[in-house]
C-alpha atoms as a PDB file:
ATOM      1  CA  MET A   1     143.376  98.263 126.699  1.00  0.00           C
ATOM      2  CA  ASP A   2     141.448 100.877 128.744  1.00  0.00           C
ATOM      3  CA  GLU A   3     138.192  99.619 130.042  1.00  0.00           C
ATOM      4  CA  THR A   4     136.300 102.622 128.720  1.00  0.00           C
ATOM      5  CA  VAL A   5     137.663 101.723 125.143  1.00  0.00           C
ATOM      6  CA  ALA A   6     136.581  98.078 125.541  1.00  0.00           C
ATOM      7  CA  GLU A   7     133.144  99.005 126.756  1.00  0.00           C
ATOM      8  CA  TYR A   8     132.607 101.357 123.884  1.00  0.00           C
ATOM      9  CA  ILE A   9     133.771  98.720 121.345  1.00  0.00           C
ATOM     10  CA  ARG A  10     131.319  96.333 123.010  1.00  0.00           C
ATOM     11  CA  ARG A  11     128.389  98.766 122.635  1.00  0.00           C
ATOM     12  CA  THR A  12     129.284  99.557 119.005  1.00  0.00           C
ATOM     13  CA  VAL A  13     129.275  95.917 118.131  1.00  0.00           C
ATOM     14  CA  LEU A  14     125.858  95.498 119.833  1.00  0.00           C
ATOM     15  CA  LYS A  15     124.414  98.265 117.654  1.00  0.00           C
ATOM     16  CA  ILE A  16     125.270  96.257 114.456  1.00  0.00           C
ATOM     17  CA  PRO A  17     122.756  93.879 113.162  1.00  0.00           C
ATOM     18  CA  ARG A  18     124.181  90.245 113.897  1.00  0.00           C
ATOM     19  CA  ASP A  19     124.255  89.343 110.002  1.00  0.00           C
ATOM     20  CA  GLU A  20     126.479  92.319 109.298  1.00  0.00           C
ATOM     21  CA  ILE A  21     129.018  92.173 112.163  1.00  0.00           C
ATOM     22  CA  LYS A  22     131.477  90.218 110.231  1.00  0.00           C
ATOM     23  CA  THR A  23     131.227  92.433 107.315  1.00  0.00           C
ATOM     24  CA  MET A  24     131.692  95.560 109.134  1.00  0.00           C
ATOM     25  CA  LEU A  25     134.732  94.223 111.193  1.00  0.00           C
ATOM     26  CA  GLN A  26     136.344  93.431 107.860  1.00  0.00           C
ATOM     27  CA  LYS A  27     135.648  96.925 106.714  1.00  0.00           C
ATOM     28  CA  TRP A  28     137.210  98.078 110.003  1.00  0.00           C
ATOM     29  CA  GLY A  29     140.526  96.132 109.300  1.00  0.00           C
ATOM     30  CA  PHE A  30     141.749  96.272 112.884  1.00  0.00           C
ATOM     31  CA  LEU A  31     141.309  92.454 113.454  1.00  0.00           C
ATOM     32  CA  SER A  32     143.334  90.074 111.204  1.00  0.00           C
ATOM     33  CA  GLU A  33     141.530  87.637 109.046  1.00  0.00           C
ATOM     34  CA  ALA A  34     142.856  84.702 111.173  1.00  0.00           C
ATOM     35  CA  GLN A  35     141.410  86.418 114.397  1.00  0.00           C
ATOM     36  CA  LEU A  36     137.939  86.784 112.606  1.00  0.00           C
ATOM     37  CA  GLN A  37     137.902  83.068 111.823  1.00  0.00           C
ATOM     38  CA  THR A  38     137.993  82.399 115.485  1.00  0.00           C
ATOM     39  CA  LEU A  39     134.797  84.345 116.099  1.00  0.00           C
ATOM     40  CA  ASN A  40     131.371  82.367 116.174  1.00  0.00           C
ATOM     41  CA  PHE A  41     128.952  84.638 114.576  1.00  0.00           C
ATOM     42  CA  HIS A  42     125.890  82.457 115.114  1.00  0.00           C
ATOM     43  CA  GLN A  43     125.722  82.976 118.836  1.00  0.00           C
ATOM     44  CA  ILE A  44     123.865  85.923 120.613  1.00  0.00           C
ATOM     45  CA  LYS A  45     125.179  89.250 120.055  1.00  0.00           C
ATOM     46  CA  ASP A  46     126.373  89.845 123.512  1.00  0.00           C
ATOM     47  CA  ASN A  47     128.621  86.954 123.438  1.00  0.00           C
ATOM     48  CA  ILE A  48     129.989  88.110 120.067  1.00  0.00           C
ATOM     49  CA  SER A  49     130.704  91.452 121.383  1.00  0.00           C
ATOM     50  CA  GLN A  50     132.682  89.913 124.276  1.00  0.00           C
ATOM     51  CA  GLU A  51     134.753  87.938 122.037  1.00  0.00           C
ATOM     52  CA  VAL A  52     135.498  90.903 119.715  1.00  0.00           C
ATOM     53  CA  VAL A  53     136.549  93.044 122.876  1.00  0.00           C
ATOM     54  CA  GLN A  54     139.039  90.125 123.814  1.00  0.00           C
ATOM     55  CA  LEU A  55     140.483  90.141 120.409  1.00  0.00           C
ATOM     56  CA  CYS A  56     140.940  93.979 120.591  1.00  0.00           C
ATOM     57  CA  GLU A  57     142.708  93.664 123.921  1.00  0.00           C
ATOM     58  CA  GLU A  58     145.207  91.391 122.115  1.00  0.00           C
ATOM     59  CA  ASN A  59     145.961  93.970 119.520  1.00  0.00           C
ATOM     60  CA  SER A  60     145.828  96.868 122.329  1.00  0.00           C
ATOM     61  CA  ALA A  61     143.100  98.871 120.659  1.00  0.00           C
ATOM     62  CA  ASP A  62     142.869 102.537 121.577  1.00  0.00           C
ATOM     63  CA  ILE A  63     140.035 105.110 121.439  1.00  0.00           C
ATOM     64  CA  LYS A  64     141.185 106.127 117.810  1.00  0.00           C
ATOM     65  CA  GLN A  65     140.364 102.585 116.567  1.00  0.00           C
ATOM     66  CA  ALA A  66     137.200 102.369 118.477  1.00  0.00           C
ATOM     67  CA  ALA A  67     136.251 105.711 116.882  1.00  0.00           C
ATOM     68  CA  ILE A  68     136.971 104.539 113.349  1.00  0.00           C
ATOM     69  CA  LEU A  69     134.545 101.552 113.905  1.00  0.00           C
ATOM     70  CA  ASP A  70     131.949 104.098 114.923  1.00  0.00           C
ATOM     71  CA  ILE A  71     132.549 105.918 111.970  1.00  0.00           C
ATOM     72  CA  ILE A  72     131.996 102.895 109.769  1.00  0.00           C
ATOM     73  CA  TYR A  73     128.965 102.169 111.476  1.00  0.00           C
ATOM     74  CA  ASN A  74     127.543 105.627 111.026  1.00  0.00           C
ATOM     75  CA  HIS A  75     128.556 105.867 107.436  1.00  0.00           C
ATOM     76  CA  ILE A  76     126.533 102.707 106.626  1.00  0.00           C
ATOM     77  CA  TYR A  77     123.501 103.732 108.974  1.00  0.00           C
ATOM     78  CA  GLN A  78     123.777 107.540 108.318  1.00  0.00           C
ATOM     79  CA  ASN A  79     119.897 107.923 108.297  1.00  0.00           C
ATOM     80  CA  LYS A  80     119.893 107.374 112.016  1.00  0.00           C
ATOM     81  CA  ARG A  81     121.276 110.747 112.454  1.00  0.00           C
ATOM     82  CA  MET A  82     119.705 114.118 111.861  1.00  0.00           C
ATOM     83  CA  TRP A  83     121.993 116.202 109.443  1.00  0.00           C
ATOM     84  CA  SER A  84     122.136 119.954 108.774  1.00  0.00           C
ATOM     85  CA  VAL A  85     123.681 121.693 105.855  1.00  0.00           C
ATOM     86  CA  TYR A  86     126.192 124.503 106.185  1.00  0.00           C
ATOM     87  CA  GLN A  87     127.619 126.645 103.460  1.00  0.00           C
ATOM     88  CA  MET A  88     130.983 128.430 103.606  1.00  0.00           C
ATOM     89  CA  LYS A  89     132.155 131.435 101.693  1.00  0.00           C
ATOM     90  CA  LYS A  90     135.705 132.624 100.530  1.00  0.00           C
ATOM     91  CA  SER A  91     136.577 136.267 100.079  1.00  0.00           C
ATOM     92  CA  GLY A  92     137.404 135.587  96.358  1.00  0.00           C
ATOM     93  CA  GLU A  93     136.743 133.066  93.617  1.00  0.00           C
ATOM     94  CA  GLU A  94     140.130 131.644  93.421  1.00  0.00           C
ATOM     95  CA  LEU A  95     140.638 127.819  93.639  1.00  0.00           C
ATOM     96  CA  GLU A  96     143.265 126.437  95.941  1.00  0.00           C
ATOM     97  CA  TYR A  97     144.895 122.856  95.959  1.00  0.00           C
ATOM     98  CA  PHE A  98     143.311 120.829  98.736  1.00  0.00           C
ATOM     99  CA  ASP A  99     145.832 119.147 100.991  1.00  0.00           C
ATOM    100  CA  ILE A 100     144.182 116.708 103.314  1.00  0.00           C
ATOM    101  CA  THR A 101     147.183 116.655 105.768  1.00  0.00           C
ATOM    102  CA  ASP A 102     147.144 120.361 106.114  1.00  0.00           C
ATOM    103  CA  PHE A 103     143.373 120.226 106.512  1.00  0.00           C
ATOM    104  CA  LYS A 104     143.683 117.821 109.384  1.00  0.00           C
ATOM    105  CA  LYS A 105     146.449 119.510 111.136  1.00  0.00           C
ATOM    106  CA  LYS A 106     144.639 122.868 110.926  1.00  0.00           C
ATOM    107  CA  PHE A 107     141.247 121.375 112.166  1.00  0.00           C
ATOM    108  CA  LYS A 108     142.816 119.501 115.094  1.00  0.00           C
ATOM    109  CA  GLY A 109     144.964 122.689 116.167  1.00  0.00           C
ATOM    110  CA  ARG A 110     142.001 125.090 116.135  1.00  0.00           C
ATOM    111  CA  LEU A 111     139.770 122.760 118.126  1.00  0.00           C
ATOM    112  CA  ARG A 112     142.496 121.754 120.719  1.00  0.00           C
ATOM    113  CA  SER A 113     143.681 125.336 121.237  1.00  0.00           C
ATOM    114  CA  ALA A 114     140.131 126.055 122.542  1.00  0.00           C
ATOM    115  CA  LEU A 115     139.445 122.869 124.184  1.00  0.00           C
ATOM    116  CA  LYS A 116     142.045 120.290 125.441  1.00  0.00           C
ATOM    117  CA  ASN A 117     139.772 117.382 126.217  1.00  0.00           C
ATOM    118  CA  VAL A 118     138.481 116.484 122.745  1.00  0.00           C
ATOM    119  CA  THR A 119     138.759 113.326 120.571  1.00  0.00           C
ATOM    120  CA  ILE A 120     139.087 114.030 116.859  1.00  0.00           C
ATOM    121  CA  THR A 121     138.988 111.192 114.314  1.00  0.00           C
ATOM    122  CA  PHE A 122     139.067 111.247 110.498  1.00  0.00           C
ATOM    123  CA  LYS A 123     138.237 108.770 107.864  1.00  0.00           C
ATOM    124  CA  GLU A 124     138.363 109.357 104.105  1.00  0.00           C
ATOM    125  CA  TYR A 125     135.919 107.754 101.443  1.00  0.00           C
ATOM    126  CA  GLU A 126     136.300 107.377  97.806  1.00  0.00           C
ATOM    127  CA  ASP A 127     133.753 110.074  96.858  1.00  0.00           C
ATOM    128  CA  ASN A 128     136.251 112.819  98.224  1.00  0.00           C
ATOM    129  CA  ALA A 129     134.164 112.887 101.513  1.00  0.00           C
ATOM    130  CA  ILE A 130     136.013 113.337 104.640  1.00  0.00           C
ATOM    131  CA  TRP A 131     134.149 112.018 107.628  1.00  0.00           C
ATOM    132  CA  ILE A 132     135.201 113.634 111.075  1.00  0.00           C
ATOM    133  CA  ARG A 133     134.116 112.397 114.367  1.00  0.00           C
ATOM    134  CA  ILE A 134     134.447 114.800 117.450  1.00  0.00           C
ATOM    135  CA  ALA A 135     133.906 113.511 120.937  1.00  0.00           C
ATOM    136  CA  TRP A 136     133.357 116.619 123.220  1.00  0.00           C
ATOM    137  CA  GLY A 137     134.804 116.986 126.797  1.00  0.00           C
ATOM    138  CA  THR A 138     134.987 119.920 129.186  1.00  0.00           C
ATOM    139  CA  PRO A 139     138.119 121.513 130.885  1.00  0.00           C
ATOM    140  CA  TYR A 140     137.485 119.022 133.766  1.00  0.00           C
ATOM    141  CA  LYS A 141     135.937 116.050 132.166  1.00  0.00           C
ATOM    142  CA  LYS A 142     137.045 113.479 129.402  1.00  0.00           C
ATOM    143  CA  PRO A 143     135.396 113.494 126.080  1.00  0.00           C
ATOM    144  CA  ASN A 144     131.996 111.837 126.076  1.00  0.00           C
ATOM    145  CA  GLN A 145     132.372 109.050 123.367  1.00  0.00           C
ATOM    146  CA  TYR A 146     128.518 108.380 123.428  1.00  0.00           C
ATOM    147  CA  LYS A 147     127.559 111.813 122.183  1.00  0.00           C
ATOM    148  CA  PRO A 148     129.802 112.763 119.398  1.00  0.00           C
ATOM    149  CA  SER A 149     129.450 115.325 116.628  1.00  0.00           C
ATOM    150  CA  TYR A 150     129.854 114.013 113.073  1.00  0.00           C
ATOM    151  CA  VAL A 151     130.880 116.333 110.092  1.00  0.00           C
ATOM    152  CA  VAL A 152     130.997 115.172 106.405  1.00  0.00           C
ATOM    153  CA  TYR A 153     133.104 117.469 104.245  1.00  0.00           C
ATOM    154  CA  HIS A 154     133.658 117.149 100.575  1.00  0.00           C
ATOM    155  CA  SER A 155     136.897 118.758  99.406  1.00  0.00           C
ATOM    156  CA  GLN A 156     136.762 121.562  96.957  1.00  0.00           C
ATOM    157  CA  THR A 157     133.105 122.205  97.770  1.00  0.00           C
ATOM    158  CA  PRO A 158     131.782 124.917 100.130  1.00  0.00           C
ATOM    159  CA  TYR A 159     129.288 122.599 101.705  1.00  0.00           C
ATOM    160  CA  VAL A 160     129.394 120.825 105.113  1.00  0.00           C
ATOM    161  CA  PHE A 161     126.983 118.475 106.528  1.00  0.00           C
ATOM    162  CA  ILE A 162     127.032 118.363 110.490  1.00  0.00           C
ATOM    163  CA  SER A 163     125.230 116.051 112.791  1.00  0.00           C
ATOM    164  CA  ALA A 164     125.747 117.854 116.009  1.00  0.00           C
ATOM    165  CA  SER A 165     125.938 116.556 119.489  1.00  0.00           C
ATOM    166  CA  VAL A 166     123.657 117.595 122.425  1.00  0.00           C
ATOM    167  CA  LEU A 167     126.128 120.152 123.499  1.00  0.00           C
ATOM    168  CA  LYS A 168     125.197 123.117 121.265  1.00  0.00           C
ATOM    169  CA  SER A 169     127.771 125.378 122.867  1.00  0.00           C
ATOM    170  CA  ASN A 170     130.456 123.471 120.866  1.00  0.00           C
ATOM    171  CA  LEU A 171     128.992 124.276 117.473  1.00  0.00           C
ATOM    172  CA  PRO A 172     130.729 127.734 117.159  1.00  0.00           C
ATOM    173  CA  LEU A 173     134.067 125.991 117.840  1.00  0.00           C
ATOM    174  CA  LEU A 174     133.378 123.340 115.255  1.00  0.00           C
ATOM    175  CA  CYS A 175     132.451 125.977 112.759  1.00  0.00           C
ATOM    176  CA  GLN A 176     135.418 128.048 113.540  1.00  0.00           C
ATOM    177  CA  ALA A 177     137.784 124.982 113.023  1.00  0.00           C
ATOM    178  CA  LEU A 178     136.134 124.275 109.588  1.00  0.00           C
ATOM    179  CA  ILE A 179     136.672 127.701 108.121  1.00  0.00           C
ATOM    180  CA  VAL A 180     140.405 127.614 109.267  1.00  0.00           C
ATOM    181  CA  ALA A 181     141.081 124.317 107.927  1.00  0.00           C
ATOM    182  CA  SER A 182     139.357 124.756 104.795  1.00  0.00           C
ATOM    183  CA  ASN A 183     140.665 128.285 104.146  1.00  0.00           C
ATOM    184  CA  TYR A 184     137.147 129.985 104.055  1.00  0.00           C
ATOM    185  CA  HIS A 185     136.224 132.981 105.930  1.00  0.00           C
ATOM    186  CA  ASP A 186     132.479 132.659 106.767  1.00  0.00           C
ATOM    187  CA  ILE A 187     129.966 129.587 107.259  1.00  0.00           C
ATOM    188  CA  ARG A 188     126.302 129.706 107.737  1.00  0.00           C
ATOM    189  CA  GLU A 189     123.356 127.204 108.269  1.00  0.00           C
ATOM    190  CA  MET A 190     121.207 126.766 105.107  1.00  0.00           C
ATOM    191  CA  GLU A 191     118.215 125.729 107.392  1.00  0.00           C
ATOM    192  CA  LEU A 192     117.873 122.578 105.655  1.00  0.00           C
ATOM    193  CA  ARG A 193     117.782 119.305 107.584  1.00  0.00           C
ATOM    194  CA  SER A 194     116.927 115.757 107.000  1.00  0.00           C
ATOM    195  CA  HIS A 195     117.863 112.289 108.280  1.00  0.00           C
ATOM    196  CA  SER A 196     118.760 111.372 104.547  1.00  0.00           C
ATOM    197  CA  LEU A 197     122.347 112.564 104.137  1.00  0.00           C
ATOM    198  CA  ASN A 198     122.293 111.514 100.380  1.00  0.00           C
ATOM    199  CA  SER A 199     119.080 113.706  99.712  1.00  0.00           C
ATOM    200  CA  LEU A 200     120.698 116.647 101.145  1.00  0.00           C
ATOM    201  CA  LYS A 201     123.750 116.193  98.712  1.00  0.00           C
ATOM    202  CA  ASP A 202     121.518 115.718  95.881  1.00  0.00           C
ATOM    203  CA  ILE A 203     120.018 119.055  96.487  1.00  0.00           C
ATOM    204  CA  VAL A 204     123.249 121.206  97.285  1.00  0.00           C
ATOM    205  CA  PHE A 205     125.337 119.398  94.725  1.00  0.00           C
ATOM    206  CA  LYS A 206     122.636 119.951  91.966  1.00  0.00           C
ATOM    207  CA  ARG A 207     122.320 116.249  91.502  1.00  0.00           C
ATOM    208  CA  TYR A 208     118.542 116.689  91.641  1.00  0.00           C
ATOM    209  CA  SER A 209     116.834 117.813  88.485  1.00  0.00           C
ATOM    210  CA  GLN A 210     113.756 120.006  88.939  1.00  0.00           C
ATOM    211  CA  ASN A 211     112.134 122.770  86.672  1.00  0.00           C
ATOM    212  CA  PHE A 212     111.506 126.075  88.257  1.00  0.00           C
ATOM    213  CA  GLN A 213     108.849 127.889  86.247  1.00  0.00           C
ATOM    214  CA  THR A 214     105.891 130.068  86.884  1.00  0.00           C
ATOM    215  CA  TYR A 215     102.590 128.919  85.271  1.00  0.00           C
ATOM    216  CA  TYR A 216      99.413 130.742  84.957  1.00  0.00           C
ATOM    217  CA  PRO A 217      96.121 128.972  84.904  1.00  0.00           C
ATOM    218  CA  LYS A 218      93.898 129.321  81.859  1.00  0.00           C
ATOM    219  CA  PRO A 219      90.623 131.158  82.198  1.00  0.00           C
ATOM    220  CA  LEU A 220      87.485 128.950  82.216  1.00  0.00           C
ATOM    221  CA  GLN A 221      85.697 129.109  78.908  1.00  0.00           C
ATOM    222  CA  GLU A 222      81.994 129.903  79.487  1.00  0.00           C
ATOM    223  CA  GLY A 223      79.224 128.545  77.293  1.00  0.00           C
ATOM    224  CA  ASN A 224      75.777 126.798  77.249  1.00  0.00           C
ATOM    225  CA  VAL A 225      75.870 123.129  78.003  1.00  0.00           C
ATOM    226  CA  GLU A 226      73.049 120.958  76.813  1.00  0.00           C
ATOM    227  CA  PRO A 227      71.295 119.030  79.667  1.00  0.00           C
ATOM    228  CA  GLU A 228      71.623 115.607  78.065  1.00  0.00           C
ATOM    229  CA  SER A 229      75.511 116.141  77.617  1.00  0.00           C
ATOM    230  CA  ALA A 230      76.149 117.579  80.949  1.00  0.00           C
ATOM    231  CA  ASP A 231      77.133 114.204  82.681  1.00  0.00           C
ATOM    232  CA  ILE A 232      79.523 113.420  79.879  1.00  0.00           C
ATOM    233  CA  ARG A 233      81.007 117.092  79.954  1.00  0.00           C
ATOM    234  CA  ILE A 234      81.674 116.674  83.682  1.00  0.00           C
ATOM    235  CA  VAL A 235      83.432 113.347  83.222  1.00  0.00           C
ATOM    236  CA  GLN A 236      85.584 114.848  80.477  1.00  0.00           C
ATOM    237  CA  GLU A 237      86.370 118.017  82.570  1.00  0.00           C
ATOM    238  CA  ASN A 238      87.495 115.984  85.595  1.00  0.00           C
ATOM    239  CA  ARG A 239      89.720 113.786  83.293  1.00  0.00           C
ATOM    240  CA  SER A 240      91.169 116.823  81.802  1.00  0.00           C
ATOM    241  CA  GLU A 241      91.830 118.494  85.090  1.00  0.00           C
ATOM    242  CA  LYS A 242      93.519 115.452  86.478  1.00  0.00           C
ATOM    243  CA  GLU A 243      95.661 115.343  83.265  1.00  0.00           C
ATOM    244  CA  ARG A 244      96.500 119.040  83.708  1.00  0.00           C
ATOM    245  CA  ILE A 245      97.518 118.657  87.342  1.00  0.00           C
ATOM    246  CA  HIS A 246      99.509 115.529  86.639  1.00  0.00           C
ATOM    247  CA  ARG A 247     101.449 117.475  83.829  1.00  0.00           C
ATOM    248  CA  LEU A 248     102.064 120.642  85.957  1.00  0.00           C
ATOM    249  CA  ASN A 249     103.272 118.380  88.860  1.00  0.00           C
ATOM    250  CA  GLN A 250     105.735 116.658  86.462  1.00  0.00           C
ATOM    251  CA  GLU A 251     106.936 119.992  85.112  1.00  0.00           C
ATOM    252  CA  ALA A 252     107.366 121.491  88.681  1.00  0.00           C
ATOM    253  CA  PHE A 253     108.723 118.363  90.525  1.00  0.00           C
ATOM    254  CA  GLY A 254     110.058 116.187  87.709  1.00  0.00           C
ATOM    255  CA  GLY A 255     109.322 112.617  87.059  1.00  0.00           C
ATOM    256  CA  GLY A 256     111.673 110.869  89.471  1.00  0.00           C
ATOM    257  CA  PRO A 257     111.591 110.363  93.180  1.00  0.00           C
ATOM    258  CA  GLN A 258     112.130 113.480  95.404  1.00  0.00           C
ATOM    259  CA  PRO A 259     114.838 113.882  97.789  1.00  0.00           C
ATOM    260  CA  LYS A 260     113.958 113.071 101.340  1.00  0.00           C
ATOM    261  CA  LEU A 261     113.830 116.577 102.933  1.00  0.00           C
ATOM    262  CA  GLU A 262     112.340 116.750 106.348  1.00  0.00           C
ATOM    263  CA  PHE A 263     112.890 120.448 107.479  1.00  0.00           C
ATOM    264  CA  ALA A 264     113.231 123.833 105.580  1.00  0.00           C
ATOM    265  CA  GLN A 265     112.672 127.397 106.245  1.00  0.00           C
ATOM    266  CA  TYR A 266     113.158 130.750 104.593  1.00  0.00           C
ATOM    267  CA  ARG A 267     112.627 134.440 105.431  1.00  0.00           C
ATOM    268  CA  LEU A 268     109.890 136.276 103.386  1.00  0.00           C
ATOM    269  CA  GLU A 269     109.955 140.031 103.077  1.00  0.00           C
ATOM    270  CA  THR A 270     107.051 141.487 101.087  1.00  0.00           C
ATOM    271  CA  MET A 271     105.087 144.700 100.783  1.00  0.00           C
ATOM    272  CA  PHE A 272     101.516 144.371 101.976  1.00  0.00           C
ATOM    273  CA  LYS A 273      98.843 145.319  99.413  1.00  0.00           C
ATOM    274  CA  SER A 274      95.782 147.491 100.557  1.00  0.00           C
ATOM    275  CA  ASP A 275      93.422 149.971  99.070  1.00  0.00           C
ATOM    276  CA  PRO A 276      94.663 153.556  99.889  1.00  0.00           C
ATOM    277  CA  LYS A 277      91.191 154.547 100.548  1.00  0.00           C
ATOM    278  CA  MET A 278      90.694 152.039 103.348  1.00  0.00           C
ATOM    279  CA  GLY A 279      93.571 153.511 105.450  1.00  0.00           C
ATOM    280  CA  VAL A 280      94.815 150.211 106.832  1.00  0.00           C
ATOM    281  CA  LEU A 281      98.491 151.111 106.569  1.00  0.00           C
ATOM    282  CA  ASP A 282      99.699 154.681 107.130  1.00  0.00           C
ATOM    283  CA  LYS A 283     103.248 153.837 106.102  1.00  0.00           C
ATOM    284  CA  ARG A 284     104.534 151.370 103.401  1.00  0.00           C
ATOM    285  CA  GLU A 285     106.700 149.170 105.469  1.00  0.00           C
ATOM    286  CA  PRO A 286     107.566 145.653 104.406  1.00  0.00           C
ATOM    287  CA  PHE A 287     106.048 142.693 105.942  1.00  0.00           C
ATOM    288  CA  ARG A 288     108.534 140.095 107.379  1.00  0.00           C
ATOM    289  CA  CYS A 289     108.026 136.535 108.456  1.00  0.00           C
ATOM    290  CA  LEU A 290     109.668 133.327 108.876  1.00  0.00           C
ATOM    291  CA  VAL A 291     108.177 130.430 106.987  1.00  0.00           C
ATOM    292  CA  LYS A 292     108.957 126.943 108.280  1.00  0.00           C
ATOM    293  CA  PHE A 293     108.181 123.512 106.682  1.00  0.00           C
ATOM    294  CA  SER A 294     108.521 120.123 108.411  1.00  0.00           C
ATOM    295  CA  SER A 295     107.331 116.744 107.215  1.00  0.00           C
ATOM    296  CA  PRO A 296     108.761 113.068 107.165  1.00  0.00           C
ATOM    297  CA  HIS A 297     108.936 113.624 103.470  1.00  0.00           C
ATOM    298  CA  LEU A 298     108.650 117.309 102.758  1.00  0.00           C
ATOM    299  CA  LEU A 299     109.032 117.277  98.887  1.00  0.00           C
ATOM    300  CA  GLU A 300     106.683 114.402  98.366  1.00  0.00           C
ATOM    301  CA  SER A 301     104.144 115.995 100.557  1.00  0.00           C
ATOM    302  CA  LEU A 302     104.185 119.230  98.563  1.00  0.00           C
ATOM    303  CA  LYS A 303     103.991 117.213  95.311  1.00  0.00           C
ATOM    304  CA  SER A 304     100.743 115.510  96.581  1.00  0.00           C
ATOM    305  CA  LEU A 305      98.937 118.666  97.444  1.00  0.00           C
ATOM    306  CA  ALA A 306      97.411 119.337  94.151  1.00  0.00           C
ATOM    307  CA  PRO A 307      96.318 115.852  93.145  1.00  0.00           C
ATOM    308  CA  ALA A 308      94.796 115.445  96.621  1.00  0.00           C
ATOM    309  CA  GLY A 309      92.775 118.687  95.976  1.00  0.00           C
ATOM    310  CA  MET A 310      94.289 120.424  98.946  1.00  0.00           C
ATOM    311  CA  ALA A 311      95.858 123.288  96.667  1.00  0.00           C
ATOM    312  CA  ASP A 312      95.526 124.615  93.274  1.00  0.00           C
ATOM    313  CA  ALA A 313      97.605 123.689  90.451  1.00  0.00           C
ATOM    314  CA  PRO A 314     100.249 124.845  89.624  1.00  0.00           C
ATOM    315  CA  LEU A 315     101.581 125.306  93.099  1.00  0.00           C
ATOM    316  CA  SER A 316     103.077 128.610  94.077  1.00  0.00           C
ATOM    317  CA  PRO A 317     106.883 129.135  93.329  1.00  0.00           C
ATOM    318  CA  LEU A 318     107.363 129.696  97.019  1.00  0.00           C
ATOM    319  CA  LEU A 319     106.683 125.891  97.611  1.00  0.00           C
ATOM    320  CA  THR A 320     108.097 124.401  94.426  1.00  0.00           C
ATOM    321  CA  CYS A 321     111.428 126.471  94.600  1.00  0.00           C
ATOM    322  CA  ILE A 322     112.458 124.974  97.936  1.00  0.00           C
ATOM    323  CA  PRO A 323     115.419 122.744  96.736  1.00  0.00           C
ATOM    324  CA  HIS A 324     116.511 125.570  94.626  1.00  0.00           C
ATOM    325  CA  LYS A 325     116.363 128.286  97.260  1.00  0.00           C
ATOM    326  CA  ALA A 326     118.163 125.934  99.638  1.00  0.00           C
ATOM    327  CA  ARG A 327     121.383 126.956  97.902  1.00  0.00           C
ATOM    328  CA  ASN A 328     120.719 130.629  98.698  1.00  0.00           C
ATOM    329  CA  TYR A 329     119.829 130.237 102.486  1.00  0.00           C
ATOM    330  CA  PHE A 330     116.182 130.306 101.626  1.00  0.00           C
ATOM    331  CA  LYS A 331     116.022 134.075 101.562  1.00  0.00           C
ATOM    332  CA  ILE A 332     113.153 134.987  99.331  1.00  0.00           C
ATOM    333  CA  ARG A 333     111.985 138.499  98.816  1.00  0.00           C
ATOM    334  CA  GLU A 334     108.526 138.684  97.125  1.00  0.00           C
ATOM    335  CA  LYS A 335     107.526 142.315  96.202  1.00  0.00           C
ATOM    336  CA  LYS A 336     104.266 141.727  94.554  1.00  0.00           C
ATOM    337  CA  GLY A 337     101.949 140.629  97.291  1.00  0.00           C
ATOM    338  CA  LEU A 338     101.818 138.957 100.593  1.00  0.00           C
ATOM    339  CA  PHE A 339     101.195 135.268  99.504  1.00  0.00           C
ATOM    340  CA  PRO A 340      99.994 134.108  96.141  1.00  0.00           C
ATOM    341  CA  GLU A 341      96.532 132.622  96.015  1.00  0.00           C
ATOM    342  CA  SER A 342      97.740 129.039  95.901  1.00  0.00           C
ATOM    343  CA  PHE A 343     100.215 129.350  98.992  1.00  0.00           C
ATOM    344  CA  VAL A 344      97.357 128.313 101.326  1.00  0.00           C
ATOM    345  CA  SER A 345      94.643 125.981 100.359  1.00  0.00           C
ATOM    346  CA  PRO A 346      91.282 127.663 100.761  1.00  0.00           C
END
């Protein structure tokens, strides 16, 4: 077995929590049950990794087998990576039979025609997800196994989830290989990123239920209030306001937990409103800007704005529609005004 393969297997085993090493090696399936019985999983991890490497040497492990172990690790600990969503498009609406063998052949052929030094490994999962691991090299260097790109593609869908390597220059090659292998003609990033791969899938596969309606606050009723009943009236109004905010939040975001989204952006194009007599604008040209959102848990943060008193309820559709607009590249054209009043807290 090559020394670089042995070292890579050793480092992969060291990343696994000790209590889970045996289970993960069983999922790997490269070592026999009899070989696994010889391992002492109660010793320090460094010794366990050395023993695993010795057994892999007996089985003549290669880089493909080492890469599959790495895929299994990243599938289980997928939240350790940052994932981006890409959407592909066809020229027509016709559905084609998906052939996994043909997909792999085209994907490998396209990448290797542009770059010889590249390691490509596939692993299929029961939910029709194809995990692809790509270790990139250069015309003069072997592939760097420690900085691979990961692709998760669900067959018969236009969505691809990519966790890219540091080498951004390889991303166009990867996208070209994807559209060729899957028989699409275009691919674009949806500007939607998160460490939670499952949350991104919930959004683009519409497994996340959210109401998208526009609400209009009711005007305040004016009237004379007796001094002795003022305190009771204030308490009642506060309680009613909290109930109203809670109801609108439930209607806008739903009652369940929100998908863990960490980054989103969209382009806004709107006409700037001004009094013609003021002469602020000589020409009626659209106002364009790029709106970016970033948070450890973006949707839960937005959901908490109104209860915390940081924004009026209901929130602007520009905020509550983020998961819905994610499926449309976040391109929103608002023609009625620059921003609704509740877009920014006063």
